Amino acid sequence: MQHELDARRKEAERVTLIGSAIDLTIGLAKIIVGFFANSAALIADGIHSLSDLLTDFMVIVILRISHQEPDENHPWGHGRFETVGTTALGVILIGVGAFMVIEIGSNFFSGEATPVPTWPALVVAAISIISKEWIFRYSLAIGKKLNSDLLIANAWHSRTDALSSVIVFVALVGAMVGWVWLDAVAAVAVAAFVGKIGWDLVKKSLTELVDTAIPEEQASEFRAVVNQVEGIIAVHDFKSRPMGSQIILEMHLQVAPHLSASEGHYLGDQAVCALTAAHPEISQVIFHIDTYNDEPLDALACPIMPTRREIRDLINTTLERELGSSDGYQLQLYYTPRRVDVEVRVLPAMQTMLDDKGITAAQLKDSLRNDLKPQGWLHHLELLIAVA
């Protein structure tokens, strides 16, 4: 599992580092060309591009933390760090949108005359649009492939840089032809779009932080995989929680009533293997084996059936009365909510005592049933003779 997490982290880091290289190159180019081409808007956009390096660095740090193995302080893993990082990026996007509106409004209503920019500014703005749109699409594709909301959020952050370059391009054209108002109209539209993306990311992350279950369609797919495991009768009490790009599941698995604990656990392990093989995004599965359907029962209700010690004492009383000894048998108990199936396996030593007393297995079974039946909890009694 950790090998898969490391592979995911490296792929996510690679796309983030590529984006960082583009941010650095384009940012410096915008500032330098903006200075010589009389474009304050392009210089400001260059500073915006360089500021993206900070969020890229934050993404890399969070990726390395969120893909660490579970430890003593984080037994469920570190996936929530990715969720927190996505929330932070969403807030940043909302802030970027608000800043864009404030900045363009300030410039539009200032009434100050600005120098007319020259054509190199248009070229750099166009290159910025193309390169940032490319890294947006590339990052978005990898984010969806890895199911990483953090990468997806950073991809949309890259697109805000592309969109701000669109605004700069429109502002440059407007300044060249005298249509200054184009800049304000474009800025408001783009800012609203950026703010909406930021809000969607924050909203999605907050639902995860409060342990909102995965969509029912996805949960149905998971249950269908479990139901295909031979020996599992039903799945109920199914619970889920997203953990960054990973998912944690909890469920009750119903198996046959008289299945041994080890076989029931083996079936549970098979279900876990089937789930993680079909859906690698599942990081942990907690299962509880049921030999009956306890879904209709009160989850907080405590068992009221007799304990093994109490049942064994009753059986020992009968055996000592009939045989003079209670040695030489094995006891298996199968509980349901209101009844108990009892299985007594007679070992060779007790068989010898039966032969000495002239008591048949059927007679001993009748004696045991007559003593246990008045207790009210006995459902079925089975007496088995072990072969030496």
Protein backbone atom coordinates (compact mmCIF):
# COMPACT_ATOMS: atom_id res chain seq x y z
CA MET A 1 0.00 0.00 0.00
CA GLN A 2 2.79 2.43 0.89
CA HIS A 3 4.51 1.68 -2.44
CA GLU A 4 1.34 2.79 -4.26
CA LEU A 5 1.15 5.95 -2.14
CA ASP A 6 4.80 6.79 -2.92
CA ALA A 7 4.16 6.29 -6.66
CA ARG A 8 1.11 8.58 -6.48
CA ARG A 9 3.08 11.22 -4.57
CA LYS A 10 5.95 11.19 -7.09
CA GLU A 11 3.58 11.60 -10.03
CA ALA A 12 1.79 14.45 -8.25
CA GLU A 13 5.08 16.13 -7.36
CA ARG A 14 6.30 15.85 -10.95
CA VAL A 15 3.36 17.76 -12.39
CA THR A 16 3.62 20.36 -9.60
CA LEU A 17 7.34 20.91 -10.28
CA ILE A 18 6.63 21.35 -14.00
CA GLY A 19 4.04 23.96 -13.10
CA SER A 20 6.55 25.67 -10.79
CA ALA A 21 9.10 25.91 -13.62
CA ILE A 22 6.47 27.49 -15.88
CA ASP A 23 5.43 29.93 -13.14
CA LEU A 24 9.03 31.03 -12.62
CA THR A 25 9.81 31.44 -16.33
CA ILE A 26 6.55 33.17 -17.27
CA GLY A 27 6.58 35.36 -14.16
CA LEU A 28 10.05 36.72 -14.84
CA ALA A 29 9.23 37.21 -18.53
CA LYS A 30 6.08 39.20 -17.69
CA ILE A 31 7.91 41.51 -15.28
CA ILE A 32 10.85 42.16 -17.62
CA VAL A 33 8.79 42.64 -20.79
CA GLY A 34 6.13 44.60 -18.91
CA PHE A 35 8.77 47.05 -17.72
CA PHE A 36 10.12 47.74 -21.22
CA ALA A 37 6.70 47.57 -22.95
CA ASN A 38 5.01 50.15 -20.66
CA SER A 39 2.54 47.63 -19.21
CA ALA A 40 1.89 47.89 -15.48
CA ALA A 41 -0.84 45.25 -15.84
CA LEU A 42 1.67 42.76 -17.25
CA ILE A 43 4.11 43.49 -14.40
CA ALA A 44 1.34 42.89 -11.84
CA ASP A 45 0.40 39.66 -13.62
CA GLY A 46 4.04 38.58 -13.47
CA ILE A 47 4.08 39.10 -9.72
CA HIS A 48 0.89 37.01 -9.56
CA SER A 49 2.65 34.23 -11.48
CA LEU A 50 5.62 34.29 -9.13
CA SER A 51 3.28 34.15 -6.14
CA ASP A 52 1.99 30.85 -7.52
CA LEU A 53 5.37 29.38 -6.61
CA LEU A 54 4.35 29.65 -2.96
CA THR A 55 1.21 27.58 -3.50
CA ASP A 56 3.20 25.06 -5.59
CA PHE A 57 5.64 24.71 -2.70
CA MET A 58 2.73 24.29 -0.29
CA VAL A 59 1.24 21.57 -2.50
CA ILE A 60 4.53 19.62 -2.56
CA VAL A 61 4.89 19.83 1.22
CA ILE A 62 1.31 18.69 1.81
CA LEU A 63 1.68 15.85 -0.71
CA ARG A 64 4.70 14.53 1.17
CA ILE A 65 2.89 14.72 4.51
CA SER A 66 -0.43 13.30 3.30
CA HIS A 67 1.19 10.25 1.67
CA GLN A 68 3.10 9.14 4.75
CA GLU A 69 2.29 5.82 6.40
CA PRO A 70 -0.07 5.80 9.39
CA ASP A 71 1.71 6.34 12.68
CA GLU A 72 0.90 6.38 16.40
CA ASN A 73 -0.54 9.89 16.27
CA HIS A 74 -2.33 9.38 12.92
CA PRO A 75 -3.56 5.75 12.91
CA TRP A 76 -5.90 6.41 9.98
CA GLY A 77 -3.12 7.91 7.86
CA HIS A 78 -2.37 11.50 6.87
CA GLY A 79 -4.91 11.91 4.07
CA ARG A 80 -6.73 14.72 5.88
CA PHE A 81 -3.69 16.97 5.39
CA GLU A 82 -4.54 16.91 1.70
CA THR A 83 -8.09 17.94 2.53
CA VAL A 84 -6.84 20.83 4.66
CA GLY A 85 -4.51 21.88 1.84
CA THR A 86 -7.40 21.81 -0.64
CA THR A 87 -9.41 24.01 1.71
CA ALA A 88 -6.52 26.48 1.91
CA LEU A 89 -6.19 26.60 -1.88
CA GLY A 90 -9.95 27.14 -2.19
CA VAL A 91 -9.72 30.08 0.21
CA ILE A 92 -6.80 31.45 -1.81
CA LEU A 93 -8.86 31.23 -5.01
CA ILE A 94 -11.72 33.13 -3.36
CA GLY A 95 -9.21 35.76 -2.24
CA VAL A 96 -7.72 35.98 -5.74
CA GLY A 97 -11.18 36.56 -7.20
CA ALA A 98 -11.95 39.28 -4.66
CA PHE A 99 -8.56 40.94 -5.21
CA MET A 100 -9.08 40.96 -8.97
CA VAL A 101 -12.38 42.81 -8.58
CA ILE A 102 -10.91 45.34 -6.13
CA GLU A 103 -7.82 45.93 -8.27
CA ILE A 104 -9.65 46.40 -11.55
CA GLY A 105 -12.24 48.64 -9.88
CA SER A 106 -9.50 50.78 -8.38
CA ASN A 107 -7.76 51.12 -11.73
CA PHE A 108 -10.96 51.78 -13.65
CA PHE A 109 -12.22 54.55 -11.39
CA SER A 110 -8.86 56.19 -10.72
CA GLY A 111 -9.10 58.22 -13.92
CA GLU A 112 -5.35 58.21 -14.33
CA ALA A 113 -3.95 58.15 -17.85
CA THR A 114 -1.54 55.33 -18.49
CA PRO A 115 1.07 54.94 -21.25
CA VAL A 116 -0.05 52.88 -24.24
CA PRO A 117 1.70 49.50 -24.10
CA THR A 118 3.60 48.07 -27.05
CA TRP A 119 3.14 44.80 -28.93
CA PRO A 120 5.73 42.67 -26.99
CA ALA A 121 3.39 42.81 -24.01
CA LEU A 122 0.66 41.15 -26.11
CA VAL A 123 3.06 38.38 -27.17
CA VAL A 124 4.07 37.54 -23.59
CA ALA A 125 0.45 37.66 -22.41
CA ALA A 126 -0.52 35.24 -25.21
CA ILE A 127 2.34 32.88 -24.33
CA SER A 128 1.27 33.01 -20.68
CA ILE A 129 -2.32 32.12 -21.60
CA ILE A 130 -1.22 29.13 -23.68
CA SER A 131 1.34 27.78 -21.20
CA LYS A 132 -0.86 28.18 -18.11
CA GLU A 133 -3.84 26.63 -19.88
CA TRP A 134 -1.64 23.67 -20.83
CA ILE A 135 -0.40 23.15 -17.27
CA PHE A 136 -3.99 23.50 -16.04
CA ARG A 137 -5.20 20.71 -18.32
CA TYR A 138 -2.20 18.53 -17.52
CA SER A 139 -2.54 19.02 -13.73
CA LEU A 140 -6.30 18.49 -13.87
CA ALA A 141 -5.89 15.22 -15.77
CA ILE A 142 -3.31 13.90 -13.28
CA GLY A 143 -5.43 15.11 -10.35
CA LYS A 144 -8.47 13.20 -11.63
CA LYS A 145 -6.33 10.15 -12.37
CA LEU A 146 -4.96 10.14 -8.81
CA ASN A 147 -8.30 11.25 -7.31
CA SER A 148 -6.45 14.13 -5.63
CA ASP A 149 -8.57 17.16 -4.75
CA LEU A 150 -5.37 18.98 -3.83
CA LEU A 151 -3.93 18.64 -7.34
CA ILE A 152 -7.28 19.54 -8.86
CA ALA A 153 -7.41 22.65 -6.68
CA ASN A 154 -3.88 23.62 -7.72
CA ALA A 155 -4.82 23.04 -11.36
CA TRP A 156 -7.68 25.54 -11.03
CA HIS A 157 -5.26 27.91 -9.35
CA SER A 158 -3.10 27.65 -12.48
CA ARG A 159 -6.12 28.46 -14.59
CA THR A 160 -6.69 31.65 -12.58
CA ASP A 161 -3.25 32.75 -13.78
CA ALA A 162 -4.27 31.96 -17.34
CA LEU A 163 -7.49 33.89 -16.87
CA SER A 164 -5.69 36.86 -15.34
CA SER A 165 -3.45 36.83 -18.41
CA VAL A 166 -6.60 36.89 -20.54
CA ILE A 167 -7.67 40.00 -18.64
CA VAL A 168 -4.26 41.56 -19.21
CA PHE A 169 -4.46 40.69 -22.91
CA VAL A 170 -7.92 42.26 -23.18
CA ALA A 171 -6.73 45.28 -21.21
CA LEU A 172 -3.74 45.68 -23.53
CA VAL A 173 -5.92 45.48 -26.64
CA GLY A 174 -8.40 47.86 -25.07
CA ALA A 175 -5.66 50.33 -24.22
CA MET A 176 -4.30 50.16 -27.77
CA VAL A 177 -7.69 50.86 -29.38
CA GLY A 178 -9.08 53.11 -26.65
CA TRP A 179 -11.63 50.67 -25.13
CA VAL A 180 -10.48 50.75 -21.52
CA TRP A 181 -13.82 49.39 -20.24
CA LEU A 182 -13.07 45.96 -21.74
CA ASP A 183 -10.61 45.34 -18.94
CA ALA A 184 -13.21 45.95 -16.20
CA VAL A 185 -15.91 43.79 -17.81
CA ALA A 186 -13.54 40.87 -18.37
CA ALA A 187 -12.11 41.16 -14.84
CA VAL A 188 -15.50 41.00 -13.12
CA ALA A 189 -16.58 37.94 -15.15
CA VAL A 190 -13.32 36.09 -14.54
CA ALA A 191 -13.22 37.03 -10.84
CA ALA A 192 -16.72 35.62 -10.33
CA PHE A 193 -15.66 32.40 -12.05
CA VAL A 194 -12.50 32.09 -9.93
CA GLY A 195 -14.43 32.76 -6.71
CA LYS A 196 -17.02 30.11 -7.63
CA ILE A 197 -14.31 27.48 -8.21
CA GLY A 198 -12.73 28.39 -4.85
CA TRP A 199 -16.05 28.10 -3.03
CA ASP A 200 -16.78 24.69 -4.60
CA LEU A 201 -13.39 23.40 -3.44
CA VAL A 202 -13.88 24.72 0.10
CA LYS A 203 -17.40 23.28 0.29
CA LYS A 204 -16.27 19.85 -0.90
CA SER A 205 -13.35 19.81 1.56
CA LEU A 206 -15.54 20.84 4.49
CA THR A 207 -18.00 18.02 3.79
CA GLU A 208 -15.06 15.61 3.94
CA LEU A 209 -13.72 17.10 7.17
CA VAL A 210 -17.06 16.41 8.88
CA ASP A 211 -16.96 12.77 7.70
CA THR A 212 -19.67 12.96 5.05
CA ALA A 213 -20.20 9.53 3.48
CA ILE A 214 -19.18 8.77 -0.10
CA PRO A 215 -21.93 8.96 -2.78
CA GLU A 216 -24.42 6.10 -2.71
CA GLU A 217 -23.50 5.01 -6.26
CA GLN A 218 -19.90 4.50 -5.19
CA ALA A 219 -20.95 2.72 -1.99
CA SER A 220 -23.17 0.37 -4.05
CA GLU A 221 -20.18 -0.54 -6.21
CA PHE A 222 -18.16 -1.42 -3.12
CA ARG A 223 -20.96 -3.54 -1.64
CA ALA A 224 -21.37 -5.37 -4.95
CA VAL A 225 -17.69 -6.40 -4.84
CA VAL A 226 -18.09 -7.77 -1.30
CA ASN A 227 -21.27 -9.67 -2.17
CA GLN A 228 -19.38 -11.55 -4.88
CA VAL A 229 -17.12 -13.20 -2.28
CA GLU A 230 -18.27 -16.79 -1.84
CA GLY A 231 -19.46 -17.42 1.72
CA ILE A 232 -20.61 -13.88 2.48
CA ILE A 233 -24.38 -13.84 2.79
CA ALA A 234 -25.00 -10.11 3.16
CA VAL A 235 -23.37 -6.75 3.88
CA HIS A 236 -24.96 -4.23 6.25
CA ASP A 237 -24.08 -1.34 8.56
CA PHE A 238 -21.90 -0.05 5.72
CA LYS A 239 -20.05 3.16 6.64
CA SER A 240 -17.54 5.22 4.69
CA ARG A 241 -15.40 8.30 5.07
CA PRO A 242 -13.13 10.00 2.53
CA MET A 243 -9.59 10.71 3.72
CA GLY A 244 -8.02 12.99 1.13
CA SER A 245 -7.65 10.91 -2.02
CA GLN A 246 -8.26 7.72 -0.02
CA ILE A 247 -11.38 6.06 1.43
CA ILE A 248 -11.88 4.22 4.72
CA LEU A 249 -14.70 1.67 5.00
CA GLU A 250 -16.44 -0.07 7.88
CA MET A 251 -19.03 -2.84 7.46
CA HIS A 252 -20.70 -5.90 8.96
CA LEU A 253 -20.36 -9.14 6.98
CA GLN A 254 -22.95 -11.85 7.57
CA VAL A 255 -21.75 -15.46 7.19
CA ALA A 256 -23.27 -18.88 7.87
CA PRO A 257 -24.44 -19.40 11.49
CA HIS A 258 -22.11 -22.28 12.39
CA LEU A 259 -18.99 -20.98 10.67
CA SER A 260 -15.84 -20.96 12.80
CA ALA A 261 -14.37 -17.62 13.85
CA SER A 262 -11.23 -18.27 11.81
CA GLU A 263 -13.16 -19.09 8.64
CA GLY A 264 -15.38 -16.04 9.09
CA HIS A 265 -12.30 -13.85 9.47
CA TYR A 266 -10.78 -15.46 6.38
CA LEU A 267 -13.88 -14.51 4.38
CA GLY A 268 -13.52 -10.96 5.70
CA ASP A 269 -9.89 -10.87 4.54
CA GLN A 270 -11.01 -12.08 1.11
CA ALA A 271 -13.52 -9.24 0.95
CA VAL A 272 -10.82 -6.70 1.83
CA CYS A 273 -8.48 -8.07 -0.86
CA ALA A 274 -11.27 -7.98 -3.46
CA LEU A 275 -12.16 -4.38 -2.55
CA THR A 276 -8.61 -3.01 -2.60
CA ALA A 277 -7.81 -4.85 -5.84
CA ALA A 278 -10.87 -3.43 -7.61
CA HIS A 279 -10.64 0.03 -6.00
CA PRO A 280 -7.07 1.11 -5.10
CA GLU A 281 -8.40 4.31 -3.53
CA ILE A 282 -9.60 2.24 -0.54
CA SER A 283 -6.88 2.50 2.10
CA GLN A 284 -8.44 0.68 5.08
CA VAL A 285 -11.38 -1.65 5.67
CA ILE A 286 -12.75 -2.48 9.12
CA PHE A 287 -15.11 -5.45 9.11
CA HIS A 288 -17.21 -7.18 11.75
CA ILE A 289 -18.26 -10.78 11.20
CA ASP A 290 -21.90 -11.63 12.00
CA THR A 291 -23.39 -15.13 12.08
CA TYR A 292 -26.87 -13.59 11.95
CA ASN A 293 -28.38 -10.36 10.71
CA ASP A 294 -28.03 -7.90 13.58
CA GLU A 295 -29.05 -4.88 11.51
CA PRO A 296 -32.58 -4.64 13.03
CA LEU A 297 -31.16 -4.76 16.56
CA ASP A 298 -30.29 -1.81 18.73
CA ALA A 299 -26.60 -1.12 18.14
CA LEU A 300 -26.14 -0.21 21.80
CA ALA A 301 -28.02 -3.24 23.21
CA CYS A 302 -25.87 -5.53 25.33
CA PRO A 303 -26.11 -9.35 24.97
CA ILE A 304 -28.41 -11.06 27.50
CA MET A 305 -27.55 -14.67 26.64
CA PRO A 306 -25.71 -16.90 29.17
CA THR A 307 -21.93 -16.94 29.01
CA ARG A 308 -19.82 -19.96 28.05
CA ARG A 309 -18.94 -20.47 31.72
CA GLU A 310 -22.60 -20.52 32.76
CA ILE A 311 -23.53 -23.02 30.03
CA ARG A 312 -20.52 -25.20 30.80
CA ASP A 313 -21.49 -25.29 34.51
CA LEU A 314 -24.97 -26.53 33.59
CA ILE A 315 -23.55 -29.20 31.29
CA ASN A 316 -20.99 -30.26 33.92
CA THR A 317 -23.79 -30.70 36.48
CA THR A 318 -25.59 -33.11 34.15
CA LEU A 319 -22.43 -35.04 33.25
CA GLU A 320 -21.36 -35.46 36.86
CA ARG A 321 -24.82 -36.73 37.75
CA GLU A 322 -24.93 -39.21 34.85
CA LEU A 323 -21.26 -40.22 34.55
CA GLY A 324 -19.64 -39.11 37.77
CA SER A 325 -17.24 -36.85 35.84
CA SER A 326 -17.40 -33.83 33.58
CA ASP A 327 -14.08 -34.44 31.83
CA GLY A 328 -13.57 -35.48 28.22
CA TYR A 329 -15.67 -33.20 26.01
CA GLN A 330 -15.37 -30.06 23.88
CA LEU A 331 -18.03 -27.36 23.77
CA GLN A 332 -19.03 -25.20 20.80
CA LEU A 333 -21.61 -22.42 21.17
CA TYR A 334 -23.43 -20.61 18.35
CA TYR A 335 -25.26 -17.49 19.47
CA THR A 336 -28.21 -15.73 17.91
CA PRO A 337 -29.91 -12.69 19.50
CA ARG A 338 -32.30 -14.79 21.61
CA ARG A 339 -31.17 -18.42 21.30
CA VAL A 340 -28.04 -20.54 21.58
CA ASP A 341 -27.13 -23.67 19.61
CA VAL A 342 -25.04 -26.03 21.76
CA GLU A 343 -22.66 -28.59 20.32
CA VAL A 344 -21.05 -31.12 22.70
CA ARG A 345 -18.22 -33.15 21.17
CA VAL A 346 -17.60 -36.35 23.19
CA LEU A 347 -13.91 -37.31 23.32
CA PRO A 348 -12.65 -40.93 23.65
CA ALA A 349 -12.20 -40.61 27.43
CA MET A 350 -15.89 -39.75 27.92
CA GLN A 351 -16.92 -42.45 25.45
CA THR A 352 -15.21 -44.96 27.71
CA MET A 353 -17.22 -43.65 30.67
CA LEU A 354 -20.43 -43.98 28.65
CA ASP A 355 -19.62 -47.58 27.80
CA ASP A 356 -18.77 -48.36 31.45
CA LYS A 357 -22.09 -46.85 32.63
CA GLY A 358 -24.06 -48.49 29.84
CA ILE A 359 -25.39 -45.12 28.69
CA THR A 360 -25.90 -44.46 24.99
CA ALA A 361 -25.12 -41.16 23.28
CA ALA A 362 -28.84 -40.66 22.61
CA GLN A 363 -29.66 -41.10 26.31
CA LEU A 364 -26.98 -38.60 27.34
CA LYS A 365 -28.28 -36.14 24.76
CA ASP A 366 -31.80 -36.46 26.16
CA SER A 367 -30.52 -35.82 29.70
CA LEU A 368 -28.62 -32.73 28.57
CA ARG A 369 -31.62 -31.41 26.63
CA ASN A 370 -33.98 -31.95 29.56
CA ASP A 371 -31.66 -30.00 31.86
CA LEU A 372 -30.93 -27.15 29.42
CA LYS A 373 -34.37 -26.69 27.84
CA PRO A 374 -36.01 -25.06 30.90
CA GLN A 375 -33.43 -22.28 30.74
CA GLY A 376 -35.35 -20.81 27.79
CA TRP A 377 -32.37 -19.96 25.60
CA LEU A 378 -31.61 -23.40 24.10
CA HIS A 379 -32.44 -23.62 20.40
CA HIS A 380 -30.67 -26.79 19.28
CA LEU A 381 -28.46 -29.37 21.01
CA GLU A 382 -26.06 -31.60 19.11
CA LEU A 383 -24.01 -34.43 20.65
CA LEU A 384 -21.11 -35.58 18.51
CA ILE A 385 -18.90 -38.60 19.08
CA ALA A 386 -15.26 -37.92 18.26
CA VAL A 387 -13.49 -40.66 16.32
CA ALA A 388 -10.29 -41.81 18.05
